Amino acid sequence: MTSHPAARAMRATPEGLLWEPSERWVRGTAGDVTVVDSRHPLLVWEPRLPVPQYAFPRAEVRTDLLRPAQDPPTGRHTGSTVFYDLEAGDGVRPDAAWTFPADDLAGHIVFEWFRRTDTGLDHWYEEDEEIFVHPRDPHTRVDAVPSSRHVRAGIDGTVVADTRSPVLLFETALPTRYYLPRQDVRLDLFEATDHSTDCPYKGTADRYWSWRGGGAVPPDIVWSYSEPLPAVAAIRGRLAFFNEAVDLTVDGERLRRPVTPFSASLRT
């Protein structure tokens, strides 16, 4: 009996790339132009990147919009030497695409979007849902679970939130985030900012607040999702704090501040 392709183990190339097939329908657009329309993408992990990228069969890419890069970068993307500029309706996007020098990935093209650079495509969709920042990792799980735990948040000795009805968000490789009812947070101690961030698993965090009390407290320490993705709908309108920068106590136990990829950006 032949196993289903998606059930096979992740494969590795001699160059250090990991890859596996995906069955998601993926589309990428530049302006009003659909540049990628693929039902046979591959997920590829580079050695020094914690999240995957998609590699698309050439037949599912508008290769007529690609030109050999005028100034291809070096030392980027695991030994890649073939880069393309994208000529879309709004002009040329340099180094927007490339190929990996791996036999397993021959005939596939990858597009910039991990850092949401100006050279990348504007919008990406998995099936009919827009995704942001990077492809979703099938080995990462995100669960939003209502709870009756007693959660208290403090900043510089001041209790800024106290609730017994949080929603706990469990995300692979990150600390648990505690999403609290708005009425249980002292928002009068914070000031709204115009900051926003995108997440492929949760959507757009469109509201942020900064601490009014001064001291060594980083800005934008509280956030909220007004319209989260359906998979985490339970966090809608709730507020969360960066565990890395506030004092959280859960059921009477003071949590240690974790060190995460966000820690460096939270330094004041």
Foldseek 3Di string as FASTA:
>chain_A
DDDDQQPDDWDAFPLGKTKGWDQWFKWFAAVPRTFFTARTWMWIDHPPDPGTFIWGAPVRGPCVQWDFAPDDDPPPDRGWDTFTWGQDPVGIQGRQKTFDPTPVRPRIMTGDFQQDDPSYTDWMDGHNHTFHNHDDDPVKDKAWAWFQKWKWWADPRHTFFTGRTWTWIDIPPDDIWTWAAPVRGNCVQWAWDQDKDAHRQWGIQGTFIAGPPDDFWFGRQKTADCDTDPRNRVNHPTMTGQLQGIWMAINNRIDDRDDDPCNVVGGD
